[in-house]
């Protein structure tokens, strides 16, 4: 790409695009175009001195030598006495019109290219904006994901602590259960022992009562025997 400074305000910038300055000119006097589509042309400029010098250079480039100029001049003078001003003006006007037409076409092409560049720049800015939004959204999603992971980890830690607490409670309950079962067995043995003692006491009491009755009967017999002997 190359920068082109125009003679009229038909451009799109002042030599700067997207905040970067490539050359200096007035506003709307600058254009950018592919370098292979830019052609140097020598159409008349607004400054008379430059016009005369450019015409002089073009004449010198087209004329091989001073002798050919003089011979051409003498031939023209011999034919008509002086050159035809109308013919020269017509040819110059035609060349100028062709150059203006070519310049206009180039300006239109440059204008289209510049519009295309501006469209591409706008699309690039839009894509950058979309990328920035996507990056920001991705950052927010990452933060939310990090918060969710943190909450999940914290919940897992809390649940693990509760599970350990429940395990401890279950183990304590199991120990209490075993202890209560042992106490129950001990109480059962005590009850059985008491029952055995009660039964033994009952048997002993029956035996004592029987023995007491027998002794009472024996005492009565002895008393009757004594009474009989006395009589």
C-alpha atoms as a PDB file:
ATOM      1  CA  UNK A   1       0.000   0.000   0.000  1.00  0.00           C
ATOM      2  CA  UNK A   2       1.046   3.607  -0.586  1.00  0.00           C
ATOM      3  CA  UNK A   3      -0.286   6.982   0.453  1.00  0.00           C
ATOM      4  CA  UNK A   4      -1.582   9.426  -2.155  1.00  0.00           C
ATOM      5  CA  UNK A   5      -1.978  13.168  -1.585  1.00  0.00           C
ATOM      6  CA  UNK A   6      -4.783  14.529  -3.798  1.00  0.00           C
ATOM      7  CA  UNK A   7      -5.147  17.986  -5.339  1.00  0.00           C
ATOM      8  CA  UNK A   8      -8.776  18.187  -4.220  1.00  0.00           C
ATOM      9  CA  UNK A   9     -10.564  17.117  -0.991  1.00  0.00           C
ATOM     10  CA  UNK A  10     -11.812  13.821  -2.432  1.00  0.00           C
ATOM     11  CA  UNK A  11     -10.021  11.526  -0.019  1.00  0.00           C
ATOM     12  CA  UNK A  12     -10.930   9.943   3.302  1.00  0.00           C
ATOM     13  CA  UNK A  13      -8.184  10.953   5.715  1.00  0.00           C
ATOM     14  CA  UNK A  14      -5.235  13.245   6.402  1.00  0.00           C
ATOM     15  CA  UNK A  15      -2.531  10.605   6.112  1.00  0.00           C
ATOM     16  CA  UNK A  16      -3.469   8.690   9.272  1.00  0.00           C
ATOM     17  CA  UNK A  17      -5.490   5.466   9.605  1.00  0.00           C
ATOM     18  CA  UNK A  18      -6.633   3.843  12.855  1.00  0.00           C
ATOM     19  CA  UNK A  19      -4.550   6.206  14.965  1.00  0.00           C
ATOM     20  CA  UNK A  20      -1.315   5.615  13.004  1.00  0.00           C
ATOM     21  CA  UNK A  21       0.090   8.439  10.863  1.00  0.00           C
ATOM     22  CA  UNK A  22       1.870   7.495   7.641  1.00  0.00           C
ATOM     23  CA  UNK A  23       2.206  10.934   6.006  1.00  0.00           C
ATOM     24  CA  UNK A  24       1.002  14.509   6.535  1.00  0.00           C
ATOM     25  CA  UNK A  25      -1.614  16.318   4.438  1.00  0.00           C
ATOM     26  CA  UNK A  26      -4.824  18.291   4.817  1.00  0.00           C
ATOM     27  CA  UNK A  27      -8.037  16.598   5.890  1.00  0.00           C
ATOM     28  CA  UNK A  28      -9.754  14.602   3.065  1.00  0.00           C
ATOM     29  CA  UNK A  29      -6.693  15.105   0.839  1.00  0.00           C
ATOM     30  CA  UNK A  30      -5.221  11.674   1.606  1.00  0.00           C
ATOM     31  CA  UNK A  31      -5.914   8.185   0.247  1.00  0.00           C
ATOM     32  CA  UNK A  32      -4.333   4.741   0.576  1.00  0.00           C
ATOM     33  CA  UNK A  33      -4.219   2.317  -2.343  1.00  0.00           C
ATOM     34  CA  UNK A  34      -2.278  -0.805  -3.432  1.00  0.00           C
ATOM     35  CA  UNK A  35       1.012   0.313  -4.916  1.00  0.00           C
ATOM     36  CA  UNK A  36       0.531  -1.751  -8.074  1.00  0.00           C
ATOM     37  CA  UNK A  37      -2.674   0.194  -8.805  1.00  0.00           C
ATOM     38  CA  UNK A  38      -1.087   3.629  -8.468  1.00  0.00           C
ATOM     39  CA  UNK A  39       0.315   5.236 -11.638  1.00  0.00           C
ATOM     40  CA  UNK A  40       2.237   8.482 -11.864  1.00  0.00           C
ATOM     41  CA  UNK A  41       0.521  10.789 -14.407  1.00  0.00           C
ATOM     42  CA  UNK A  42       1.415  14.314 -15.582  1.00  0.00           C
ATOM     43  CA  UNK A  43      -1.871  16.204 -15.869  1.00  0.00           C
ATOM     44  CA  UNK A  44      -1.820  20.030 -15.473  1.00  0.00           C
ATOM     45  CA  UNK A  45      -1.522  21.221 -11.874  1.00  0.00           C
ATOM     46  CA  UNK A  46      -2.990  24.302 -10.258  1.00  0.00           C
ATOM     47  CA  UNK A  47       0.397  26.037  -9.978  1.00  0.00           C
ATOM     48  CA  UNK A  48       1.406  27.757 -13.278  1.00  0.00           C
ATOM     49  CA  UNK A  49       5.138  27.316 -12.668  1.00  0.00           C
ATOM     50  CA  UNK A  50       4.772  23.566 -12.142  1.00  0.00           C
ATOM     51  CA  UNK A  51       2.564  23.322 -15.237  1.00  0.00           C
ATOM     52  CA  UNK A  52       5.110  25.054 -17.414  1.00  0.00           C
ATOM     53  CA  UNK A  53       7.992  22.999 -16.070  1.00  0.00           C
ATOM     54  CA  UNK A  54       6.059  19.722 -16.488  1.00  0.00           C
ATOM     55  CA  UNK A  55       5.115  20.641 -20.033  1.00  0.00           C
ATOM     56  CA  UNK A  56       8.692  21.597 -20.736  1.00  0.00           C
ATOM     57  CA  UNK A  57       9.931  18.262 -19.364  1.00  0.00           C
ATOM     58  CA  UNK A  58       7.342  16.327 -21.371  1.00  0.00           C
ATOM     59  CA  UNK A  59       8.336  18.172 -24.539  1.00  0.00           C
ATOM     60  CA  UNK A  60      12.017  17.495 -23.896  1.00  0.00           C
ATOM     61  CA  UNK A  61      11.281  13.811 -23.268  1.00  0.00           C
ATOM     62  CA  UNK A  62       9.283  13.485 -26.446  1.00  0.00           C
ATOM     63  CA  UNK A  63      11.771  15.517 -28.587  1.00  0.00           C
ATOM     64  CA  UNK A  64      14.977  13.620 -29.397  1.00  0.00           C
ATOM     65  CA  UNK A  65      17.095  16.691 -30.212  1.00  0.00           C
ATOM     66  CA  UNK A  66      17.038  20.432 -30.872  1.00  0.00           C
ATOM     67  CA  UNK A  67      17.577  19.895 -34.608  1.00  0.00           C
ATOM     68  CA  UNK A  68      14.402  17.837 -34.874  1.00  0.00           C
ATOM     69  CA  UNK A  69      12.501  20.627 -33.076  1.00  0.00           C
ATOM     70  CA  UNK A  70      13.849  23.213 -35.498  1.00  0.00           C
ATOM     71  CA  UNK A  71      13.135  21.000 -38.513  1.00  0.00           C
ATOM     72  CA  UNK A  72       9.604  20.355 -37.269  1.00  0.00           C
ATOM     73  CA  UNK A  73       9.170  24.083 -36.696  1.00  0.00           C
ATOM     74  CA  UNK A  74      10.469  24.991 -40.113  1.00  0.00           C
ATOM     75  CA  UNK A  75       8.293  22.362 -41.778  1.00  0.00           C
ATOM     76  CA  UNK A  76       5.233  23.678 -40.003  1.00  0.00           C
ATOM     77  CA  UNK A  77       6.117  27.255 -40.929  1.00  0.00           C
ATOM     78  CA  UNK A  78       6.678  26.320 -44.539  1.00  0.00           C
ATOM     79  CA  UNK A  79       3.247  24.706 -44.711  1.00  0.00           C
ATOM     80  CA  UNK A  80       1.084  27.322 -43.027  1.00  0.00           C
ATOM     81  CA  UNK A  81       3.343  30.162 -42.047  1.00  0.00           C
ATOM     82  CA  UNK A  82       2.459  29.686 -38.282  1.00  0.00           C
ATOM     83  CA  UNK A  83       1.110  26.753 -36.184  1.00  0.00           C
ATOM     84  CA  UNK A  84      -2.638  26.096 -35.882  1.00  0.00           C
ATOM     85  CA  UNK A  85      -3.644  27.205 -32.374  1.00  0.00           C
ATOM     86  CA  UNK A  86      -7.073  25.564 -32.639  1.00  0.00           C
ATOM     87  CA  UNK A  87      -5.545  22.178 -33.464  1.00  0.00           C
ATOM     88  CA  UNK A  88      -3.083  22.422 -30.585  1.00  0.00           C
ATOM     89  CA  UNK A  89      -5.862  23.402 -28.154  1.00  0.00           C
ATOM     90  CA  UNK A  90      -8.097  20.569 -29.373  1.00  0.00           C
ATOM     91  CA  UNK A  91      -5.334  17.994 -28.971  1.00  0.00           C
ATOM     92  CA  UNK A  92      -4.377  19.387 -25.570  1.00  0.00           C
ATOM     93  CA  UNK A  93      -8.013  19.370 -24.440  1.00  0.00           C
ATOM     94  CA  UNK A  94      -8.442  15.782 -25.608  1.00  0.00           C
ATOM     95  CA  UNK A  95      -5.285  14.692 -23.788  1.00  0.00           C
ATOM     96  CA  UNK A  96      -6.364  16.588 -20.688  1.00  0.00           C
ATOM     97  CA  UNK A  97      -9.847  15.035 -20.865  1.00  0.00           C
ATOM     98  CA  UNK A  98      -8.308  11.548 -21.165  1.00  0.00           C
ATOM     99  CA  UNK A  99      -6.017  12.251 -18.226  1.00  0.00           C
ATOM    100  CA  UNK A 100      -8.908  13.650 -16.186  1.00  0.00           C
ATOM    101  CA  UNK A 101     -11.010  10.580 -17.049  1.00  0.00           C
ATOM    102  CA  UNK A 102      -8.139   8.292 -16.097  1.00  0.00           C
ATOM    103  CA  UNK A 103      -7.579  10.282 -12.913  1.00  0.00           C
ATOM    104  CA  UNK A 104     -11.283  10.104 -12.065  1.00  0.00           C
ATOM    105  CA  UNK A 105     -11.283   6.347 -12.612  1.00  0.00           C
ATOM    106  CA  UNK A 106      -8.207   6.004 -10.422  1.00  0.00           C
ATOM    107  CA  UNK A 107      -9.797   8.194  -7.783  1.00  0.00           C
ATOM    108  CA  UNK A 108     -12.955   6.078  -7.862  1.00  0.00           C
ATOM    109  CA  UNK A 109     -10.864   2.913  -7.584  1.00  0.00           C
ATOM    110  CA  UNK A 110      -8.896   4.443  -4.740  1.00  0.00           C
ATOM    111  CA  UNK A 111     -12.142   5.531  -3.109  1.00  0.00           C
ATOM    112  CA  UNK A 112     -13.521   1.988  -3.369  1.00  0.00           C
ATOM    113  CA  UNK A 113     -10.292   0.544  -1.998  1.00  0.00           C
ATOM    114  CA  UNK A 114     -10.312   3.064   0.821  1.00  0.00           C
ATOM    115  CA  UNK A 115     -13.928   2.207   1.626  1.00  0.00           C
ATOM    116  CA  UNK A 116     -13.000  -1.472   1.546  1.00  0.00           C
ATOM    117  CA  UNK A 117     -10.066  -0.790   3.867  1.00  0.00           C
ATOM    118  CA  UNK A 118     -12.296   1.171   6.224  1.00  0.00           C
ATOM    119  CA  UNK A 119     -14.839  -1.657   6.124  1.00  0.00           C
ATOM    120  CA  UNK A 120     -12.104  -4.180   6.896  1.00  0.00           C
ATOM    121  CA  UNK A 121     -10.843  -1.966   9.722  1.00  0.00           C
ATOM    122  CA  UNK A 122     -14.376  -1.653  11.069  1.00  0.00           C
ATOM    123  CA  UNK A 123     -14.824  -5.433  10.821  1.00  0.00           C
ATOM    124  CA  UNK A 124     -11.475  -5.912  12.553  1.00  0.00           C
ATOM    125  CA  UNK A 125     -12.515  -3.527  15.330  1.00  0.00           C
ATOM    126  CA  UNK A 126     -15.839  -5.346  15.600  1.00  0.00           C
ATOM    127  CA  UNK A 127     -14.054  -8.696  15.753  1.00  0.00           C
ATOM    128  CA  UNK A 128     -11.708  -7.306  18.390  1.00  0.00           C
ATOM    129  CA  UNK A 129     -14.720  -6.084  20.332  1.00  0.00           C
ATOM    130  CA  UNK A 130     -16.351  -9.502  20.007  1.00  0.00           C
ATOM    131  CA  UNK A 131     -13.104 -11.182  21.058  1.00  0.00           C
ATOM    132  CA  UNK A 132     -12.858  -8.819  24.029  1.00  0.00           C
ATOM    133  CA  UNK A 133     -16.465  -9.597  24.976  1.00  0.00           C
ATOM    134  CA  UNK A 134     -15.844 -13.319  24.566  1.00  0.00           C
ATOM    135  CA  UNK A 135     -12.661 -13.041  26.631  1.00  0.00           C
ATOM    136  CA  UNK A 136     -14.505 -11.098  29.312  1.00  0.00           C
ATOM    137  CA  UNK A 137     -17.354 -13.625  29.276  1.00  0.00           C
ATOM    138  CA  UNK A 138     -14.849 -16.472  29.450  1.00  0.00           C
ATOM    139  CA  UNK A 139     -13.175 -14.745  32.403  1.00  0.00           C
ATOM    140  CA  UNK A 140     -16.523 -14.397  34.151  1.00  0.00           C
ATOM    141  CA  UNK A 141     -17.311 -18.045  33.458  1.00  0.00           C
ATOM    142  CA  UNK A 142     -13.892 -19.031  34.816  1.00  0.00           C
ATOM    143  CA  UNK A 143     -14.566 -17.008  37.963  1.00  0.00           C
ATOM    144  CA  UNK A 144     -17.996 -18.599  38.363  1.00  0.00           C
ATOM    145  CA  UNK A 145     -16.468 -22.029  37.774  1.00  0.00           C
ATOM    146  CA  UNK A 146     -13.771 -21.290  40.349  1.00  0.00           C
ATOM    147  CA  UNK A 147     -16.452 -20.213  42.843  1.00  0.00           C
ATOM    148  CA  UNK A 148     -18.457 -23.357  42.123  1.00  0.00           C
ATOM    149  CA  UNK A 149     -15.374 -25.516  42.580  1.00  0.00           C
ATOM    150  CA  UNK A 150     -14.542 -23.714  45.804  1.00  0.00           C
ATOM    151  CA  UNK A 151     -18.112 -24.188  47.040  1.00  0.00           C
ATOM    152  CA  UNK A 152     -18.029 -27.850  46.019  1.00  0.00           C
ATOM    153  CA  UNK A 153     -14.717 -28.412  47.816  1.00  0.00           C
ATOM    154  CA  UNK A 154     -15.992 -26.616  50.918  1.00  0.00           C
ATOM    155  CA  UNK A 155     -19.211 -28.654  50.834  1.00  0.00           C
ATOM    156  CA  UNK A 156     -17.179 -31.848  50.436  1.00  0.00           C
ATOM    157  CA  UNK A 157     -15.034 -30.895  53.439  1.00  0.00           C
ATOM    158  CA  UNK A 158     -18.121 -30.117  55.520  1.00  0.00           C
ATOM    159  CA  UNK A 159     -19.801 -33.371  54.485  1.00  0.00           C
ATOM    160  CA  UNK A 160     -16.635 -35.313  55.284  1.00  0.00           C
ATOM    161  CA  UNK A 161     -16.510 -33.680  58.722  1.00  0.00           C
ATOM    162  CA  UNK A 162     -20.176 -34.529  59.317  1.00  0.00           C
ATOM    163  CA  UNK A 163     -19.561 -38.073  58.111  1.00  0.00           C
ATOM    164  CA  UNK A 164     -16.640 -38.425  60.532  1.00  0.00           C
ATOM    165  CA  UNK A 165     -18.854 -37.078  63.302  1.00  0.00           C
ATOM    166  CA  UNK A 166     -21.598 -39.574  62.436  1.00  0.00           C
ATOM    167  CA  UNK A 167     -19.052 -42.374  62.322  1.00  0.00           C
ATOM    168  CA  UNK A 168     -17.821 -41.373  65.767  1.00  0.00           C
ATOM    169  CA  UNK A 169     -21.396 -41.284  67.051  1.00  0.00           C
ATOM    170  CA  UNK A 170     -22.117 -44.723  65.569  1.00  0.00           C
ATOM    171  CA  UNK A 171     -18.944 -46.141  67.092  1.00  0.00           C
ATOM    172  CA  UNK A 172     -19.858 -44.625  70.465  1.00  0.00           C
ATOM    173  CA  UNK A 173     -23.377 -46.045  70.160  1.00  0.00           C
ATOM    174  CA  UNK A 174     -21.913 -49.459  69.344  1.00  0.00           C
ATOM    175  CA  UNK A 175     -19.674 -49.271  72.391  1.00  0.00           C
ATOM    176  CA  UNK A 176     -22.635 -48.227  74.554  1.00  0.00           C
ATOM    177  CA  UNK A 177     -24.673 -51.075  73.104  1.00  0.00           C
ATOM    178  CA  UNK A 178     -21.976 -53.607  73.895  1.00  0.00           C
ATOM    179  CA  UNK A 179     -21.631 -52.199  77.390  1.00  0.00           C
ATOM    180  CA  UNK A 180     -25.395 -52.326  77.931  1.00  0.00           C
ATOM    181  CA  UNK A 181     -25.508 -55.891  76.643  1.00  0.00           C
ATOM    182  CA  UNK A 182     -22.769 -56.817  79.077  1.00  0.00           C
ATOM    183  CA  UNK A 183     -24.653 -55.114  81.887  1.00  0.00           C
ATOM    184  CA  UNK A 184     -27.832 -56.931  80.853  1.00  0.00           C
ATOM    185  CA  UNK A 185     -26.052 -60.261  80.925  1.00  0.00           C
ATOM    186  CA  UNK A 186     -24.650 -59.423  84.339  1.00  0.00           C
ATOM    187  CA  UNK A 187     -28.099 -58.475  85.608  1.00  0.00           C
ATOM    188  CA  UNK A 188     -29.522 -61.689  84.159  1.00  0.00           C
ATOM    189  CA  UNK A 189     -26.901 -63.695  86.018  1.00  0.00           C
ATOM    190  CA  UNK A 190     -27.704 -61.813  89.195  1.00  0.00           C
ATOM    191  CA  UNK A 191     -31.425 -62.492  88.748  1.00  0.00           C
ATOM    192  CA  UNK A 192     -30.764 -66.159  88.115  1.00  0.00           C
ATOM    193  CA  UNK A 193     -28.585 -66.305  91.202  1.00  0.00           C
ATOM    194  CA  UNK A 194     -31.266 -64.621  93.264  1.00  0.00           C
ATOM    195  CA  UNK A 195     -33.894 -66.965  91.900  1.00  0.00           C
ATOM    196  CA  UNK A 196     -31.696 -69.931  92.799  1.00  0.00           C
ATOM    197  CA  UNK A 197     -31.208 -68.564  96.293  1.00  0.00           C
ATOM    198  CA  UNK A 198     -34.936 -67.967  96.675  1.00  0.00           C
ATOM    199  CA  UNK A 199     -35.683 -71.484  95.541  1.00  0.00           C
ATOM    200  CA  UNK A 200     -33.006 -72.832  97.849  1.00  0.00           C
ATOM    201  CA  UNK A 201     -34.426 -70.761 100.696  1.00  0.00           C
ATOM    202  CA  UNK A 202     -37.897 -72.078  99.983  1.00  0.00           C
ATOM    203  CA  UNK A 203     -36.640 -75.653 100.031  1.00  0.00           C
ATOM    204  CA  UNK A 204     -34.742 -75.042 103.219  1.00  0.00           C
ATOM    205  CA  UNK A 205     -37.809 -73.447 104.802  1.00  0.00           C
ATOM    206  CA  UNK A 206     -39.957 -76.430 103.882  1.00  0.00           C
ATOM    207  CA  UNK A 207     -37.413 -78.778 105.349  1.00  0.00           C
ATOM    208  CA  UNK A 208     -37.236 -76.683 108.500  1.00  0.00           C
ATOM    209  CA  UNK A 209     -41.009 -76.613 108.835  1.00  0.00           C
ATOM    210  CA  UNK A 210     -41.188 -80.392 108.382  1.00  0.00           C
ATOM    211  CA  UNK A 211     -38.442 -80.941 110.911  1.00  0.00           C
ATOM    212  CA  UNK A 212     -40.170 -78.548 113.320  1.00  0.00           C
ATOM    213  CA  UNK A 213     -43.453 -80.452 113.091  1.00  0.00           C
ATOM    214  CA  UNK A 214     -41.645 -83.725 113.641  1.00  0.00           C
ATOM    215  CA  UNK A 215     -39.878 -82.366 116.671  1.00  0.00           C
ATOM    216  CA  UNK A 216     -43.171 -80.971 118.053  1.00  0.00           C
ATOM    217  CA  UNK A 217     -44.741 -84.392 117.590  1.00  0.00           C
ATOM    218  CA  UNK A 218     -41.789 -86.100 119.309  1.00  0.00           C
ATOM    219  CA  UNK A 219     -42.011 -83.617 122.187  1.00  0.00           C
ATOM    220  CA  UNK A 220     -45.713 -84.413 122.643  1.00  0.00           C
ATOM    221  CA  UNK A 221     -44.939 -88.117 122.661  1.00  0.00           C
ATOM    222  CA  UNK A 222     -42.300 -87.592 125.317  1.00  0.00           C
ATOM    223  CA  UNK A 223     -44.697 -85.524 127.420  1.00  0.00           C
ATOM    224  CA  UNK A 224     -47.366 -88.233 127.181  1.00  0.00           C
ATOM    225  CA  UNK A 225     -44.805 -90.850 128.126  1.00  0.00           C
ATOM    226  CA  UNK A 226     -43.821 -88.870 131.224  1.00  0.00           C
ATOM    227  CA  UNK A 227     -47.445 -88.441 132.260  1.00  0.00           C
ATOM    228  CA  UNK A 228     -48.050 -92.150 131.872  1.00  0.00           C
ATOM    229  CA  UNK A 229     -45.056 -93.044 133.993  1.00  0.00           C
ATOM    230  CA  UNK A 230     -46.148 -90.672 136.743  1.00  0.00           C
ATOM    231  CA  UNK A 231     -49.551 -92.188 136.921  1.00  0.00           C
END
